[in-house]
């Protein structure tokens, strides 16, 4: 049975006006959203519409005006940019439970990156006027978003440090562990990563070539840490991956 907080008629005009039980759980269990007060959670949900996207559907483009704040209820949103040579580069994936788009709504500047659906994706979408109204009525939201952006900044610094100080082998193992935590589906002692990623996608996340990532993955397979399947990775030993990440 699909459920979501009641929506106004304006919100119901935004595609499908309900979330499934699984999608609603993904939002409520999100690391950031789950720490908000019930009052603020309800206020956000009451102003949110539901948007469903097919794989590859665009959500935002670099240089365009920011009009929405979004939470991922299912699937993933790929955040990407275009290099000077014209090649599209994936920077990160917004996983279920993740909220994004608030920075450009705060500073009023255009979007800095492209965003599109990676796989079938469901979003909760809060339009700019409603976002501003939430901020004006709930001081708690200011504080919560400040903490969220501090966490983003810390993660960004950690990524810069890893890129400049750690070998690709360690960075790849760490990235696989992060993907397993966000998208892992336990199957006995194995963990299948539900996010479909080609080796080129992994390479873009790590700032490396596909050939080098392929070489390292073969090494992980020989060590019994992972199994590589078409567009899927299966973690066979989290402990072995942790050991590789610490090298």
Protein backbone atom coordinates (compact mmCIF):
# COMPACT_ATOMS: atom_id res chain seq x y z
CA UNK A 1 0.00 0.00 0.00
CA UNK A 2 1.59 3.34 -1.04
CA UNK A 3 1.83 6.02 1.63
CA UNK A 4 3.08 9.56 2.02
CA UNK A 5 2.13 12.62 4.01
CA UNK A 6 -0.95 14.41 2.59
CA UNK A 7 -0.13 16.70 -0.32
CA UNK A 8 -1.86 19.89 -1.41
CA UNK A 9 -3.56 19.93 -4.84
CA UNK A 10 -0.58 21.89 -6.23
CA UNK A 11 1.84 19.17 -5.12
CA UNK A 12 -0.40 16.44 -6.50
CA UNK A 13 0.10 17.88 -9.98
CA UNK A 14 3.73 16.72 -9.86
CA UNK A 15 3.53 13.27 -11.44
CA UNK A 16 2.71 10.41 -9.04
CA UNK A 17 1.52 11.91 -5.71
CA UNK A 18 2.39 8.94 -3.49
CA UNK A 19 5.40 7.00 -2.30
CA UNK A 20 5.52 3.26 -1.87
CA UNK A 21 6.18 1.88 1.61
CA UNK A 22 9.81 1.17 0.64
CA UNK A 23 10.32 4.68 -0.74
CA UNK A 24 8.75 6.28 2.32
CA UNK A 25 11.03 4.19 4.54
CA UNK A 26 14.08 5.29 2.56
CA UNK A 27 13.23 8.93 3.23
CA UNK A 28 12.37 8.47 6.91
CA UNK A 29 15.47 6.34 7.58
CA UNK A 30 17.85 8.74 5.85
CA UNK A 31 20.78 9.74 8.07
CA UNK A 32 19.91 13.44 7.88
CA UNK A 33 16.10 13.39 7.72
CA UNK A 34 15.71 10.87 10.55
CA UNK A 35 17.35 13.30 13.01
CA UNK A 36 14.83 16.08 12.36
CA UNK A 37 11.95 16.67 14.75
CA UNK A 38 8.63 15.01 13.81
CA UNK A 39 7.16 18.48 13.34
CA UNK A 40 9.78 19.50 10.79
CA UNK A 41 9.61 16.14 9.03
CA UNK A 42 5.87 16.56 8.62
CA UNK A 43 6.27 20.13 7.37
CA UNK A 44 8.75 19.04 4.70
CA UNK A 45 6.63 16.11 3.54
CA UNK A 46 3.49 18.28 3.38
CA UNK A 47 5.21 20.62 0.92
CA UNK A 48 6.86 17.93 -1.20
CA UNK A 49 5.68 16.50 -4.48
CA UNK A 50 6.74 13.15 -5.90
CA UNK A 51 8.58 12.87 -9.19
CA UNK A 52 9.46 9.61 -10.94
CA UNK A 53 12.27 9.52 -13.48
CA UNK A 54 13.43 6.85 -15.90
CA UNK A 55 17.10 5.98 -16.27
CA UNK A 56 18.98 8.90 -17.80
CA UNK A 57 16.19 11.47 -17.41
CA UNK A 58 17.69 14.93 -16.74
CA UNK A 59 16.94 16.69 -13.48
CA UNK A 60 19.15 19.79 -13.56
CA UNK A 61 21.74 21.34 -15.85
CA UNK A 62 24.84 23.32 -15.04
CA UNK A 63 24.28 27.06 -15.33
CA UNK A 64 20.49 26.93 -14.92
CA UNK A 65 18.57 28.63 -12.12
CA UNK A 66 17.94 26.57 -8.99
CA UNK A 67 14.22 26.03 -8.41
CA UNK A 68 13.96 22.80 -6.37
CA UNK A 69 15.27 21.00 -3.30
CA UNK A 70 15.17 17.22 -3.66
CA UNK A 71 15.29 14.06 -1.58
CA UNK A 72 16.03 10.67 -3.16
CA UNK A 73 13.40 8.08 -2.26
CA UNK A 74 14.53 5.35 -4.68
CA UNK A 75 17.29 4.82 -7.21
CA UNK A 76 20.12 7.34 -7.51
CA UNK A 77 20.93 10.73 -8.97
CA UNK A 78 24.21 11.07 -10.82
CA UNK A 79 25.96 14.39 -10.25
CA UNK A 80 28.35 15.11 -13.12
CA UNK A 81 30.34 17.75 -14.92
CA UNK A 82 31.96 18.20 -18.32
CA UNK A 83 35.75 18.40 -18.56
CA UNK A 84 37.63 20.93 -20.70
CA UNK A 85 37.98 18.22 -23.35
CA UNK A 86 34.20 17.76 -23.45
CA UNK A 87 34.12 14.47 -21.57
CA UNK A 88 31.37 13.95 -19.00
CA UNK A 89 32.79 13.13 -15.58
CA UNK A 90 30.76 11.60 -12.74
CA UNK A 91 31.48 13.23 -9.39
CA UNK A 92 29.13 11.36 -7.06
CA UNK A 93 25.78 9.57 -6.77
CA UNK A 94 23.02 10.79 -4.46
CA UNK A 95 21.66 7.67 -2.78
CA UNK A 96 18.22 6.99 -1.24
CA UNK A 97 17.73 9.17 1.83
CA UNK A 98 20.01 11.92 0.48
CA UNK A 99 18.76 15.50 0.10
CA UNK A 100 20.48 17.89 -2.31
CA UNK A 101 20.01 21.18 -4.15
CA UNK A 102 19.88 23.44 -1.09
CA UNK A 103 23.20 25.23 -1.68
CA UNK A 104 22.07 26.96 -4.87
CA UNK A 105 18.77 27.89 -3.23
CA UNK A 106 20.71 29.52 -0.39
CA UNK A 107 23.15 31.62 -2.45
CA UNK A 108 20.89 32.23 -5.45
CA UNK A 109 23.60 31.26 -7.94
CA UNK A 110 23.11 28.89 -10.90
CA UNK A 111 23.54 25.14 -10.60
CA UNK A 112 27.20 24.12 -10.68
CA UNK A 113 26.71 20.58 -12.04
CA UNK A 114 24.45 18.40 -14.14
CA UNK A 115 22.12 15.91 -12.47
CA UNK A 116 20.28 12.98 -14.02
CA UNK A 117 18.59 9.76 -12.91
CA UNK A 118 20.73 6.65 -12.64
CA UNK A 119 18.25 3.84 -12.98
CA UNK A 120 14.55 4.21 -12.20
CA UNK A 121 14.48 6.98 -9.60
CA UNK A 122 11.87 8.51 -7.30
CA UNK A 123 12.35 11.97 -5.80
CA UNK A 124 10.60 14.11 -3.25
CA UNK A 125 10.70 17.65 -4.65
CA UNK A 126 10.24 20.87 -2.68
CA UNK A 127 9.90 23.98 -4.83
CA UNK A 128 11.90 27.10 -4.07
CA UNK A 129 9.03 29.18 -2.56
CA UNK A 130 8.13 26.29 -0.25
CA UNK A 131 11.79 25.80 0.71
CA UNK A 132 12.04 29.49 1.63
CA UNK A 133 8.81 29.24 3.62
CA UNK A 134 10.13 26.21 5.52
CA UNK A 135 13.28 28.15 6.40
CA UNK A 136 11.26 31.12 7.63
CA UNK A 137 9.03 28.95 9.82
CA UNK A 138 11.57 26.45 11.16
CA UNK A 139 14.86 27.66 12.60
CA UNK A 140 15.67 23.98 13.10
CA UNK A 141 15.96 23.57 9.33
CA UNK A 142 18.69 26.22 9.12
CA UNK A 143 20.69 24.42 11.80
CA UNK A 144 20.11 20.99 10.25
CA UNK A 145 21.21 22.15 6.79
CA UNK A 146 24.27 23.83 8.29
CA UNK A 147 25.27 20.50 9.86
CA UNK A 148 24.58 18.73 6.58
CA UNK A 149 26.81 21.09 4.62
CA UNK A 150 29.56 20.85 7.23
CA UNK A 151 29.48 17.08 6.74
CA UNK A 152 29.65 17.51 2.96
CA UNK A 153 32.68 19.78 3.37
CA UNK A 154 34.44 17.27 5.62
CA UNK A 155 33.79 14.48 3.12
CA UNK A 156 35.12 16.65 0.31
CA UNK A 157 38.33 17.35 2.24
CA UNK A 158 38.71 13.62 2.95
CA UNK A 159 38.33 12.88 -0.76
CA UNK A 160 40.97 15.48 -1.66
CA UNK A 161 43.31 13.98 0.92
CA UNK A 162 42.75 10.45 -0.38
CA UNK A 163 43.30 11.57 -3.98
CA UNK A 164 46.65 13.14 -3.11
CA UNK A 165 47.99 10.68 -0.54
CA UNK A 166 46.51 7.21 -1.13
CA UNK A 167 47.17 4.76 -3.99
CA UNK A 168 44.36 3.85 -6.38
CA UNK A 169 44.10 0.36 -4.86
CA UNK A 170 43.23 1.77 -1.44
CA UNK A 171 40.85 4.39 -2.86
CA UNK A 172 39.02 1.79 -4.94
CA UNK A 173 38.58 -0.53 -1.96
CA UNK A 174 37.24 2.37 0.10
CA UNK A 175 34.82 3.36 -2.68
CA UNK A 176 33.49 -0.20 -2.96
CA UNK A 177 32.94 -0.31 0.81
CA UNK A 178 30.99 2.97 0.62
CA UNK A 179 28.86 1.63 -2.23
CA UNK A 180 28.21 -1.57 -0.27
CA UNK A 181 27.06 0.45 2.72
CA UNK A 182 24.71 2.60 0.63
CA UNK A 183 23.44 0.07 -1.90
CA UNK A 184 24.43 -3.31 -0.47
CA UNK A 185 21.99 -6.21 -0.56
CA UNK A 186 23.04 -9.04 1.74
CA UNK A 187 22.89 -12.50 0.16
CA UNK A 188 24.24 -14.94 2.70
CA UNK A 189 27.84 -13.96 3.37
CA UNK A 190 28.01 -11.91 0.17
CA UNK A 191 26.94 -8.30 -0.36
CA UNK A 192 25.65 -7.45 -3.83
CA UNK A 193 25.90 -3.76 -4.70
CA UNK A 194 22.51 -2.82 -6.12
CA UNK A 195 23.73 0.27 -7.97
CA UNK A 196 24.58 -0.68 -11.55
CA UNK A 197 28.01 0.77 -12.32
CA UNK A 198 30.26 0.13 -15.28
CA UNK A 199 34.01 0.19 -14.70
CA UNK A 200 34.10 3.54 -16.50
CA UNK A 201 31.71 4.92 -13.85
CA UNK A 202 34.01 3.72 -11.07
CA UNK A 203 37.00 5.19 -12.86
CA UNK A 204 35.31 8.60 -13.08
CA UNK A 205 34.50 8.56 -9.36
CA UNK A 206 38.15 7.88 -8.58
CA UNK A 207 39.78 10.15 -11.15
CA UNK A 208 41.52 7.19 -12.80
CA UNK A 209 41.46 5.36 -16.13
CA UNK A 210 39.12 2.44 -16.76
CA UNK A 211 42.12 0.26 -17.56
CA UNK A 212 43.75 0.89 -14.18
CA UNK A 213 40.48 0.28 -12.32
CA UNK A 214 39.99 -2.97 -14.26
CA UNK A 215 43.50 -4.07 -13.30
CA UNK A 216 42.91 -3.38 -9.61
CA UNK A 217 39.53 -5.15 -9.65
CA UNK A 218 41.17 -8.26 -11.08
CA UNK A 219 43.62 -8.11 -8.18
CA UNK A 220 40.71 -7.85 -5.72
CA UNK A 221 39.15 -10.93 -7.34
CA UNK A 222 42.37 -12.90 -6.97
CA UNK A 223 42.48 -11.98 -3.28
CA UNK A 224 38.86 -13.13 -2.82
CA UNK A 225 37.63 -9.67 -1.83
CA UNK A 226 35.11 -9.10 -4.63
CA UNK A 227 33.49 -10.74 -7.64
CA UNK A 228 33.02 -8.64 -10.76
CA UNK A 229 29.80 -9.19 -12.71
CA UNK A 230 28.48 -7.22 -15.70
CA UNK A 231 27.53 -3.76 -14.29
CA UNK A 232 27.56 -5.22 -10.75
CA UNK A 233 30.07 -5.76 -7.96
CA UNK A 234 29.67 -8.39 -5.26
CA UNK A 235 31.60 -8.01 -2.01
CA UNK A 236 32.87 -11.42 -0.90
CA UNK A 237 34.92 -10.26 2.09
CA UNK A 238 34.43 -6.91 3.76
CA UNK A 239 37.44 -7.64 5.98
CA UNK A 240 39.74 -8.10 2.98
CA UNK A 241 38.51 -4.86 1.46
CA UNK A 242 39.13 -3.03 4.74
CA UNK A 243 42.67 -4.41 4.79
CA UNK A 244 43.28 -3.22 1.22
CA UNK A 245 41.84 0.22 2.03
CA UNK A 246 44.33 0.57 4.90
CA UNK A 247 47.40 -0.22 2.78
